[in-house]
């Protein structure tokens, strides 16, 4: 793995917490920053994935509601579910 050196600016309070944590855990600051950023990026990606899934589900629900509203216009006055059940009952009894 190729590594690059960077400079960052952080508040003194954060640096103190980092130094204390690294001393307690016997880990270098670079390792802490690598692990913390990897976890942060992974959590943000997961949040975005969940948000997209929520939007997809909402869209599917909306489409389903639109289809349900359209299916109420059968000549018999029955709903699509009723029509399908009757068709299924008629056709399955023949077999």
Protein backbone atom coordinates (compact mmCIF):
# COMPACT_ATOMS: atom_id res chain seq x y z
CA UNK A 1 0.00 0.00 0.00
CA UNK A 2 1.34 3.39 -1.00
CA UNK A 3 1.24 6.02 1.75
CA UNK A 4 1.29 9.80 1.61
CA UNK A 5 2.07 12.29 4.33
CA UNK A 6 -0.54 15.01 4.93
CA UNK A 7 -0.92 17.95 7.26
CA UNK A 8 -4.22 18.59 9.02
CA UNK A 9 -5.47 21.35 11.26
CA UNK A 10 -7.64 20.43 14.25
CA UNK A 11 -8.65 22.19 17.46
CA UNK A 12 -6.35 21.70 20.44
CA UNK A 13 -9.11 19.96 22.40
CA UNK A 14 -9.43 17.30 19.68
CA UNK A 15 -5.67 16.84 19.53
CA UNK A 16 -5.55 16.35 23.30
CA UNK A 17 -8.29 13.69 23.07
CA UNK A 18 -6.46 11.98 20.21
CA UNK A 19 -3.16 11.97 22.10
CA UNK A 20 -4.81 10.59 25.26
CA UNK A 21 -6.69 7.92 23.33
CA UNK A 22 -3.60 6.84 21.39
CA UNK A 23 -1.54 6.61 24.57
CA UNK A 24 -4.23 4.55 26.32
CA UNK A 25 -4.78 2.24 23.35
CA UNK A 26 -1.07 2.11 22.42
CA UNK A 27 -1.73 3.10 18.84
CA UNK A 28 -0.26 5.74 16.59
CA UNK A 29 -2.20 8.80 15.50
CA UNK A 30 -1.89 7.78 11.87
CA UNK A 31 -3.49 4.41 12.60
CA UNK A 32 -6.29 6.08 14.55
CA UNK A 33 -6.98 8.54 11.72
CA UNK A 34 -6.90 5.74 9.09
CA UNK A 35 -9.32 3.56 11.04
CA UNK A 36 -11.61 6.44 12.01
CA UNK A 37 -11.87 7.75 8.46
CA UNK A 38 -12.50 4.25 7.06
CA UNK A 39 -15.34 3.72 9.57
CA UNK A 40 -16.77 7.18 8.95
CA UNK A 41 -16.77 6.75 5.16
CA UNK A 42 -18.34 3.28 5.45
CA UNK A 43 -21.09 4.62 7.74
CA UNK A 44 -21.88 7.51 5.37
CA UNK A 45 -22.08 5.10 2.42
CA UNK A 46 -24.42 2.83 4.42
CA UNK A 47 -26.64 5.79 5.35
CA UNK A 48 -26.88 6.85 1.71
CA UNK A 49 -27.69 3.28 0.68
CA UNK A 50 -30.48 3.09 3.29
CA UNK A 51 -31.85 6.47 2.21
CA UNK A 52 -31.92 5.35 -1.44
CA UNK A 53 -33.71 2.14 -0.42
CA UNK A 54 -36.28 4.19 1.53
CA UNK A 55 -36.87 6.40 -1.51
CA UNK A 56 -37.20 3.35 -3.76
CA UNK A 57 -39.76 1.81 -1.40
CA UNK A 58 -41.75 5.07 -1.26
CA UNK A 59 -41.73 5.20 -5.06
CA UNK A 60 -42.92 1.58 -5.30
CA UNK A 61 -45.73 2.28 -2.83
CA UNK A 62 -46.83 5.30 -4.86
CA UNK A 63 -46.87 3.24 -8.08
CA UNK A 64 -48.79 0.47 -6.33
CA UNK A 65 -51.38 2.98 -5.08
CA UNK A 66 -51.77 4.38 -8.60
CA UNK A 67 -52.27 0.91 -10.03
CA UNK A 68 -54.77 0.06 -7.29
CA UNK A 69 -56.76 3.21 -8.10
CA UNK A 70 -56.82 2.32 -11.81
CA UNK A 71 -57.90 -1.25 -11.12
CA UNK A 72 -61.22 -0.17 -9.59
CA UNK A 73 -62.69 0.47 -13.03
CA UNK A 74 -63.61 -3.08 -14.04
CA UNK A 75 -66.98 -3.31 -15.82
CA UNK A 76 -68.25 -5.68 -13.16
CA UNK A 77 -67.59 -3.08 -10.48
CA UNK A 78 -65.27 -5.52 -8.70
CA UNK A 79 -61.72 -4.78 -7.67
CA UNK A 80 -58.75 -6.30 -9.45
CA UNK A 81 -58.16 -8.61 -6.50
CA UNK A 82 -61.73 -9.91 -6.69
CA UNK A 83 -61.46 -10.42 -10.45
CA UNK A 84 -58.15 -12.30 -10.11
CA UNK A 85 -59.51 -14.52 -7.34
CA UNK A 86 -62.58 -15.42 -9.37
CA UNK A 87 -60.49 -16.13 -12.46
CA UNK A 88 -58.11 -18.29 -10.41
CA UNK A 89 -61.00 -20.20 -8.81
CA UNK A 90 -62.64 -20.82 -12.21
CA UNK A 91 -59.44 -21.94 -13.90
CA UNK A 92 -58.04 -24.04 -11.08
CA UNK A 93 -61.30 -25.96 -10.71
CA UNK A 94 -61.04 -27.07 -14.35
CA UNK A 95 -57.75 -28.89 -13.74
